[in-house]
Amino acid sequence: MKIHKFPFSVAYADTDAGGIVYHGRYLEVAERARMQWLRGIKFPDSDIGFVVRELNIKYSTPLKLGDDFVVESRIVKVGSASLQVEQKFVKDDNVCAILLVTVAYIGVDLRLKRIPDFIMSKIS
């Protein structure tokens, strides 16, 4: 499956007192990358869309104030109503963190719903 790339620059607000990116900030940046990936897709009015069901992060090399990096997102597993997405935080060809997120597709009734084919064709 294709890789979506989201560039990001670390600002002061992203860091702790030591100038290292705060661990929780990775979640926010990953969410922004997923939102950018889905930008322009019109979801049916009967659907809410994707919601996070499960999340795992492995940190390997800290990102620091002033670092420029890219979040590389790709689908690694497809279910009828869910996706597993791997998001790598990459700086200078070095993987700094890997986030693995399972998202479920739900309708306005908050129940699982089959992912529409037109959405899969735009993101895969």
N, C-alpha and C. Protein backbone atom coordinates (compact mmCIF):
# COMPACT_ATOMS: atom_id res chain seq x y z
N MET A 1 0.84 -1.18 0.00
CA MET A 1 0.00 0.00 0.00
C MET A 1 0.89 1.24 0.00
N LYS A 2 0.34 2.32 -0.54
CA LYS A 2 1.14 3.53 -0.67
C LYS A 2 1.40 4.18 0.69
N ILE A 3 2.46 4.98 0.71
CA ILE A 3 2.87 5.69 1.93
C ILE A 3 2.47 7.14 1.81
N HIS A 4 1.81 7.65 2.87
CA HIS A 4 1.48 9.07 2.94
C HIS A 4 2.55 9.74 3.82
N LYS A 5 3.11 10.85 3.33
CA LYS A 5 4.17 11.54 4.07
C LYS A 5 3.66 12.88 4.59
N PHE A 6 3.95 13.14 5.87
CA PHE A 6 3.53 14.36 6.55
C PHE A 6 4.76 15.00 7.20
N PRO A 7 5.27 16.09 6.64
CA PRO A 7 6.44 16.75 7.24
C PRO A 7 6.06 17.55 8.48
N PHE A 8 6.98 17.62 9.43
CA PHE A 8 6.73 18.34 10.67
C PHE A 8 8.05 18.88 11.21
N SER A 9 7.99 20.04 11.84
CA SER A 9 9.15 20.65 12.50
C SER A 9 8.86 20.79 13.98
N VAL A 10 9.80 20.40 14.81
CA VAL A 10 9.62 20.46 16.26
C VAL A 10 9.77 21.90 16.74
N ALA A 11 8.75 22.39 17.42
CA ALA A 11 8.75 23.72 18.01
C ALA A 11 8.93 23.60 19.53
N TYR A 12 9.18 24.73 20.16
CA TYR A 12 9.39 24.76 21.61
C TYR A 12 8.21 24.14 22.35
N ALA A 13 6.98 24.41 21.89
CA ALA A 13 5.78 23.91 22.56
C ALA A 13 5.67 22.38 22.50
N ASP A 14 6.43 21.73 21.63
CA ASP A 14 6.40 20.27 21.50
C ASP A 14 7.33 19.56 22.47
N THR A 15 8.16 20.33 23.19
CA THR A 15 9.23 19.73 23.98
C THR A 15 9.02 19.86 25.48
N ASP A 16 9.78 19.05 26.20
CA ASP A 16 9.80 19.15 27.66
C ASP A 16 10.91 20.13 28.06
N ALA A 17 11.20 20.22 29.33
CA ALA A 17 12.19 21.18 29.83
C ALA A 17 13.60 20.90 29.28
N GLY A 18 13.85 19.67 28.85
CA GLY A 18 15.17 19.31 28.32
C GLY A 18 15.29 19.47 26.81
N GLY A 19 14.23 19.97 26.17
CA GLY A 19 14.29 20.17 24.73
C GLY A 19 14.00 18.92 23.91
N ILE A 20 13.51 17.87 24.57
CA ILE A 20 13.16 16.62 23.90
C ILE A 20 11.65 16.59 23.70
N VAL A 21 11.21 16.08 22.54
CA VAL A 21 9.78 16.02 22.27
C VAL A 21 9.08 15.19 23.34
N TYR A 22 8.06 15.79 23.95
CA TYR A 22 7.25 15.14 24.98
C TYR A 22 6.58 13.90 24.39
N HIS A 23 6.57 12.80 25.12
CA HIS A 23 6.08 11.52 24.58
C HIS A 23 4.64 11.60 24.07
N GLY A 24 3.79 12.36 24.73
CA GLY A 24 2.39 12.49 24.31
C GLY A 24 2.21 13.28 23.02
N ARG A 25 3.18 14.10 22.68
CA ARG A 25 3.09 14.92 21.47
C ARG A 25 3.12 14.04 20.21
N TYR A 26 3.77 12.89 20.30
CA TYR A 26 3.80 11.97 19.16
C TYR A 26 2.37 11.58 18.75
N LEU A 27 1.50 11.40 19.73
CA LEU A 27 0.10 11.05 19.44
C LEU A 27 -0.59 12.15 18.65
N GLU A 28 -0.37 13.39 19.07
CA GLU A 28 -1.00 14.52 18.39
C GLU A 28 -0.48 14.66 16.95
N VAL A 29 0.81 14.53 16.77
CA VAL A 29 1.39 14.65 15.43
C VAL A 29 0.90 13.51 14.53
N ALA A 30 0.82 12.30 15.09
CA ALA A 30 0.32 11.16 14.32
C ALA A 30 -1.13 11.39 13.90
N GLU A 31 -1.93 11.95 14.79
CA GLU A 31 -3.33 12.25 14.47
C GLU A 31 -3.41 13.30 13.35
N ARG A 32 -2.57 14.32 13.42
CA ARG A 32 -2.54 15.34 12.35
C ARG A 32 -2.16 14.71 11.02
N ALA A 33 -1.22 13.77 11.05
CA ALA A 33 -0.81 13.09 9.81
C ALA A 33 -1.97 12.28 9.23
N ARG A 34 -2.71 11.59 10.11
CA ARG A 34 -3.86 10.81 9.63
C ARG A 34 -4.95 11.74 9.09
N MET A 35 -5.17 12.86 9.74
CA MET A 35 -6.18 13.83 9.26
C MET A 35 -5.80 14.38 7.89
N GLN A 36 -4.52 14.69 7.71
CA GLN A 36 -4.05 15.20 6.43
C GLN A 36 -4.24 14.16 5.33
N TRP A 37 -4.00 12.90 5.67
CA TRP A 37 -4.16 11.79 4.75
C TRP A 37 -5.61 11.69 4.26
N LEU A 38 -6.56 11.93 5.18
CA LEU A 38 -7.99 11.82 4.85
C LEU A 38 -8.59 13.12 4.32
N ARG A 39 -7.80 14.18 4.28
CA ARG A 39 -8.30 15.49 3.84
C ARG A 39 -8.90 15.38 2.44
N GLY A 40 -10.07 15.97 2.28
CA GLY A 40 -10.73 15.99 0.98
C GLY A 40 -11.68 14.83 0.74
N ILE A 41 -11.68 13.84 1.64
CA ILE A 41 -12.62 12.73 1.49
C ILE A 41 -13.93 13.13 2.15
N LYS A 42 -15.01 13.05 1.42
CA LYS A 42 -16.35 13.38 1.93
C LYS A 42 -16.97 12.09 2.48
N PHE A 43 -17.11 12.04 3.80
CA PHE A 43 -17.74 10.89 4.44
C PHE A 43 -19.25 11.01 4.33
N PRO A 44 -19.95 9.89 4.17
CA PRO A 44 -21.42 9.94 4.12
C PRO A 44 -21.98 10.54 5.42
N ASP A 45 -23.10 11.22 5.33
CA ASP A 45 -23.73 11.84 6.50
C ASP A 45 -24.14 10.80 7.55
N SER A 46 -24.30 9.56 7.13
CA SER A 46 -24.69 8.50 8.06
C SER A 46 -23.49 7.91 8.81
N ASP A 47 -22.30 8.45 8.57
CA ASP A 47 -21.09 7.91 9.18
C ASP A 47 -20.35 8.97 9.98
N ILE A 48 -19.72 8.52 11.06
CA ILE A 48 -18.78 9.37 11.79
C ILE A 48 -17.41 9.25 11.13
N GLY A 49 -17.03 8.02 10.79
CA GLY A 49 -15.74 7.77 10.15
C GLY A 49 -14.85 6.93 11.05
N PHE A 50 -13.56 7.21 10.99
CA PHE A 50 -12.57 6.41 11.72
C PHE A 50 -12.36 6.94 13.14
N VAL A 51 -12.32 6.01 14.09
CA VAL A 51 -11.99 6.34 15.48
C VAL A 51 -10.91 5.38 15.95
N VAL A 52 -10.04 5.85 16.83
CA VAL A 52 -8.96 5.02 17.34
C VAL A 52 -9.51 3.95 18.27
N ARG A 53 -9.09 2.72 18.01
CA ARG A 53 -9.52 1.59 18.83
C ARG A 53 -8.38 1.05 19.69
N GLU A 54 -7.18 1.05 19.12
CA GLU A 54 -6.01 0.52 19.82
C GLU A 54 -4.77 1.26 19.35
N LEU A 55 -3.81 1.42 20.26
CA LEU A 55 -2.63 2.21 19.94
C LEU A 55 -1.41 1.66 20.66
N ASN A 56 -0.28 1.62 19.95
CA ASN A 56 0.98 1.19 20.53
C ASN A 56 2.09 2.06 19.95
N ILE A 57 3.00 2.52 20.80
CA ILE A 57 4.12 3.33 20.33
C ILE A 57 5.43 2.73 20.84
N LYS A 58 6.40 2.66 19.92
CA LYS A 58 7.74 2.25 20.30
C LYS A 58 8.67 3.42 20.00
N TYR A 59 9.32 3.95 21.03
CA TYR A 59 10.26 5.06 20.89
C TYR A 59 11.67 4.49 20.78
N SER A 60 12.45 5.00 19.83
CA SER A 60 13.82 4.50 19.72
C SER A 60 14.87 5.59 19.81
N THR A 61 14.66 6.72 19.14
CA THR A 61 15.61 7.84 19.18
C THR A 61 14.82 9.12 19.43
N PRO A 62 15.18 9.89 20.45
CA PRO A 62 14.38 11.09 20.75
C PRO A 62 14.48 12.16 19.65
N LEU A 63 13.35 12.79 19.39
CA LEU A 63 13.34 13.98 18.55
C LEU A 63 13.53 15.18 19.46
N LYS A 64 14.19 16.23 18.93
CA LYS A 64 14.54 17.39 19.76
C LYS A 64 14.09 18.68 19.12
N LEU A 65 14.14 19.73 19.91
CA LEU A 65 13.78 21.07 19.46
C LEU A 65 14.53 21.41 18.17
N GLY A 66 13.78 21.85 17.16
CA GLY A 66 14.38 22.25 15.89
C GLY A 66 14.49 21.13 14.86
N ASP A 67 14.24 19.90 15.27
CA ASP A 67 14.32 18.77 14.32
C ASP A 67 13.21 18.86 13.27
N ASP A 68 13.55 18.53 12.05
CA ASP A 68 12.59 18.36 10.97
C ASP A 68 12.50 16.85 10.71
N PHE A 69 11.27 16.36 10.62
CA PHE A 69 11.07 14.94 10.37
C PHE A 69 9.82 14.73 9.54
N VAL A 70 9.58 13.49 9.17
CA VAL A 70 8.42 13.13 8.37
C VAL A 70 7.71 11.97 9.05
N VAL A 71 6.37 12.03 9.11
CA VAL A 71 5.59 10.89 9.56
C VAL A 71 5.16 10.14 8.30
N GLU A 72 5.61 8.90 8.18
CA GLU A 72 5.26 8.05 7.04
C GLU A 72 4.17 7.09 7.49
N SER A 73 2.98 7.27 6.93
CA SER A 73 1.82 6.44 7.31
C SER A 73 1.49 5.47 6.18
N ARG A 74 1.21 4.22 6.58
CA ARG A 74 0.78 3.24 5.58
C ARG A 74 -0.12 2.22 6.25
N ILE A 75 -1.06 1.73 5.48
CA ILE A 75 -1.97 0.69 5.97
C ILE A 75 -1.23 -0.64 5.94
N VAL A 76 -1.26 -1.36 7.07
CA VAL A 76 -0.59 -2.66 7.13
C VAL A 76 -1.58 -3.82 7.22
N LYS A 77 -2.83 -3.53 7.58
CA LYS A 77 -3.83 -4.58 7.67
C LYS A 77 -5.20 -3.97 7.41
N VAL A 78 -6.00 -4.67 6.61
CA VAL A 78 -7.34 -4.18 6.27
C VAL A 78 -8.37 -5.19 6.72
N GLY A 79 -9.36 -4.71 7.46
CA GLY A 79 -10.52 -5.51 7.82
C GLY A 79 -11.74 -4.88 7.16
N SER A 80 -12.87 -5.50 7.30
CA SER A 80 -14.07 -4.93 6.66
C SER A 80 -14.49 -3.62 7.32
N ALA A 81 -14.23 -3.49 8.64
CA ALA A 81 -14.64 -2.28 9.36
C ALA A 81 -13.48 -1.63 10.12
N SER A 82 -12.25 -2.06 9.83
CA SER A 82 -11.12 -1.49 10.55
C SER A 82 -9.86 -1.51 9.69
N LEU A 83 -8.92 -0.68 10.11
CA LEU A 83 -7.61 -0.62 9.46
C LEU A 83 -6.55 -0.61 10.55
N GLN A 84 -5.41 -1.20 10.25
CA GLN A 84 -4.26 -1.05 11.12
C GLN A 84 -3.26 -0.21 10.32
N VAL A 85 -2.84 0.89 10.93
CA VAL A 85 -1.96 1.83 10.26
C VAL A 85 -0.65 1.93 11.03
N GLU A 86 0.46 1.82 10.30
CA GLU A 86 1.79 2.01 10.87
C GLU A 86 2.23 3.42 10.54
N GLN A 87 2.70 4.15 11.55
CA GLN A 87 3.19 5.51 11.34
C GLN A 87 4.60 5.60 11.89
N LYS A 88 5.54 5.83 10.98
CA LYS A 88 6.95 5.94 11.35
C LYS A 88 7.34 7.41 11.40
N PHE A 89 8.03 7.79 12.47
CA PHE A 89 8.58 9.14 12.62
C PHE A 89 10.03 9.05 12.15
N VAL A 90 10.32 9.64 11.00
CA VAL A 90 11.62 9.46 10.34
C VAL A 90 12.36 10.79 10.23
N LYS A 91 13.60 10.81 10.73
CA LYS A 91 14.47 11.98 10.63
C LYS A 91 15.78 11.52 9.99
N ASP A 92 16.11 12.10 8.84
CA ASP A 92 17.36 11.76 8.15
C ASP A 92 17.52 10.25 7.97
N ASP A 93 16.50 9.59 7.48
CA ASP A 93 16.49 8.15 7.23
C ASP A 93 16.61 7.30 8.50
N ASN A 94 16.47 7.92 9.67
CA ASN A 94 16.52 7.21 10.94
C ASN A 94 15.11 7.16 11.52
N VAL A 95 14.61 5.95 11.82
CA VAL A 95 13.28 5.82 12.43
C VAL A 95 13.39 6.11 13.92
N CYS A 96 12.73 7.18 14.35
CA CYS A 96 12.80 7.63 15.74
C CYS A 96 11.70 7.02 16.61
N ALA A 97 10.57 6.71 16.00
CA ALA A 97 9.45 6.09 16.71
C ALA A 97 8.55 5.42 15.69
N ILE A 98 7.86 4.38 16.15
CA ILE A 98 6.87 3.70 15.32
C ILE A 98 5.58 3.62 16.12
N LEU A 99 4.52 4.13 15.53
CA LEU A 99 3.20 4.09 16.14
C LEU A 99 2.35 3.12 15.32
N LEU A 100 1.71 2.19 15.98
CA LEU A 100 0.81 1.25 15.32
C LEU A 100 -0.58 1.49 15.88
N VAL A 101 -1.50 1.91 15.01
CA VAL A 101 -2.84 2.27 15.46
C VAL A 101 -3.88 1.47 14.68
N THR A 102 -4.87 0.97 15.41
CA THR A 102 -6.01 0.33 14.78
C THR A 102 -7.16 1.31 14.86
N VAL A 103 -7.74 1.61 13.71
CA VAL A 103 -8.90 2.50 13.66
C VAL A 103 -10.11 1.71 13.19
N ALA A 104 -11.25 2.00 13.80
CA ALA A 104 -12.50 1.35 13.44
C ALA A 104 -13.37 2.38 12.72
N TYR A 105 -14.15 1.91 11.77
CA TYR A 105 -15.06 2.78 11.02
C TYR A 105 -16.45 2.62 11.63
N ILE A 106 -17.05 3.75 12.05
CA ILE A 106 -18.36 3.68 12.70
C ILE A 106 -19.35 4.65 12.06
N GLY A 107 -20.63 4.29 12.24
CA GLY A 107 -21.72 5.15 11.79
C GLY A 107 -22.14 6.08 12.91
N VAL A 108 -23.14 6.92 12.64
CA VAL A 108 -23.61 7.87 13.65
C VAL A 108 -24.25 7.16 14.84
N ASP A 109 -24.62 5.90 14.67
CA ASP A 109 -25.18 5.11 15.78
C ASP A 109 -24.08 4.52 16.66
N LEU A 110 -22.81 4.86 16.36
CA LEU A 110 -21.62 4.41 17.09
C LEU A 110 -21.36 2.92 16.96
N ARG A 111 -21.93 2.29 15.96
CA ARG A 111 -21.70 0.87 15.70
C ARG A 111 -20.71 0.72 14.55
N LEU A 112 -19.95 -0.39 14.60
CA LEU A 112 -19.04 -0.68 13.50
C LEU A 112 -19.81 -0.74 12.18
N LYS A 113 -19.12 -0.30 11.14
CA LYS A 113 -19.73 -0.25 9.83
C LYS A 113 -18.67 -0.60 8.79
N ARG A 114 -19.06 -1.27 7.74
CA ARG A 114 -18.13 -1.61 6.67
C ARG A 114 -17.54 -0.32 6.08
N ILE A 115 -16.23 -0.31 5.84
CA ILE A 115 -15.57 0.85 5.24
C ILE A 115 -16.03 0.94 3.78
N PRO A 116 -16.59 2.08 3.38
CA PRO A 116 -17.04 2.22 1.99
C PRO A 116 -15.89 2.04 1.00
N ASP A 117 -16.18 1.39 -0.13
CA ASP A 117 -15.17 1.13 -1.15
C ASP A 117 -14.52 2.41 -1.67
N PHE A 118 -15.30 3.49 -1.82
CA PHE A 118 -14.73 4.72 -2.36
C PHE A 118 -13.70 5.33 -1.42
N ILE A 119 -13.85 5.11 -0.12
CA ILE A 119 -12.86 5.60 0.84
C ILE A 119 -11.60 4.75 0.75
N MET A 120 -11.75 3.43 0.68
CA MET A 120 -10.58 2.55 0.57
C MET A 120 -9.80 2.86 -0.70
N SER A 121 -10.49 3.17 -1.79
CA SER A 121 -9.78 3.45 -3.04
C SER A 121 -8.97 4.74 -2.97
N LYS A 122 -9.37 5.67 -2.11
CA LYS A 122 -8.64 6.93 -1.99
C LYS A 122 -7.45 6.85 -1.03
N ILE A 123 -7.50 5.93 -0.07
CA ILE A 123 -6.41 5.88 0.92
C ILE A 123 -5.46 4.72 0.74
N SER A 124 -5.81 3.76 -0.08
CA SER A 124 -4.91 2.60 -0.24
C SER A 124 -4.13 2.66 -1.53
